Amino acid sequence: MILCFDIGGTAIKVAEAAGGAVRPAGRVPTPAGDFAAFVRALQGIVAGASVRPEVLAFSIAGVVDETGIATVANIPCLTGRAVVRDLEAALGLPVVLANDADCFAMAEAVEGAGRGHEVVFGVILGTGVGGGIVVRGGLINAHGGFAGEWGHGPVLSGAALPVVRCGCGQVGCLDTLCSARGMERLHRHLWGRDAEAPALVAGWEAGEPEAARTVALWLEVLAGPLAMVVNLLGPGIVPVGGGLSNSAPLVAALDEAVRARCLRRFDRPLVVPALCRIEPGLIGAAALGRLHLAEGRP
């Protein structure tokens, strides 16, 4: 059995994966600022499992670099730690771990829109712009790294668009204008008024002129960089998750704009809504755990 964890800043979601099924097993609060308390919470979950797990598989909202050191903004007790090593020592079981976008991409590759595709680029369009890359059933950055973080890096400049300092510390990142907050920022820039992203998308779907112009600019800013990533990676499918993916017409419009800009001409949808809408973090963590067991790692 694989014991799966989706670690957020406020709650730890748990599931047991066995025989191809992923069964939710509850949640507990996240002791985000105290590593000893964090470990005790995990020890309690392991002790309460239906059987002793073979491996512990984690999805976290952070990044683990190639040296194993974690940076997790909403769980500060993990930042700066060799988190896999420390958790294995504390829990006495093998640990596999990836960030939430990577786990989303794994979920889509094994159980979602990416099934049957050799290369899957899972895209997050929500609070931020992110993603993960799965190649032949495994993460391209299986041992840590930042592959798939296409929302960061200064790509925006010029007087026509607002150039904003990003949370990553750089100025002009795609994340600042193409996340949900970014769409709202574009609307404020164009019209001098505030509106929330769901209302803007609904207005665009209804043909409201101001919302239509805002979303058209959002698509224009986003589609070119996404097409370049498609050209670089050659994915067979690009499943989209996050809050903005709740609008099927918006994802379809993005797909049309991206395919028009790609080197390869696709005669079918490429950018599509994700199919794993419920607990992709746990599904992706389970997939990582299965891969660990299939490879016979110690």
Foldseek 3Di string as FASTA:
>chain_A
DEWEWEDDLFKIWIWDDDPRDTGTDDIDTAPQEDVVVNLVVVLVVQVPDPDRDQEYFYEAAWFQALVQAIDHPSRVVRHRDSNQVVSCVSNVHHYFYDYQQQLLQLLCCPPKVNDPWQKEWEWEAALWTWTFIHGRNHGPPRNTDRPTGQQDDADDDDDVDDWAQDPVGRIRGNRCQQHQVNLQRLLCVVPVDGDGSVVLVVCCVVVPPSSVVSLVVSLVSPQQSVQVVCQVRVTQAYEYDYDVLVDQVSQVVSQVSNQVNHPDHDPDGHYGHIPCHPPSRRSSSVSSVVVCVVVVDD
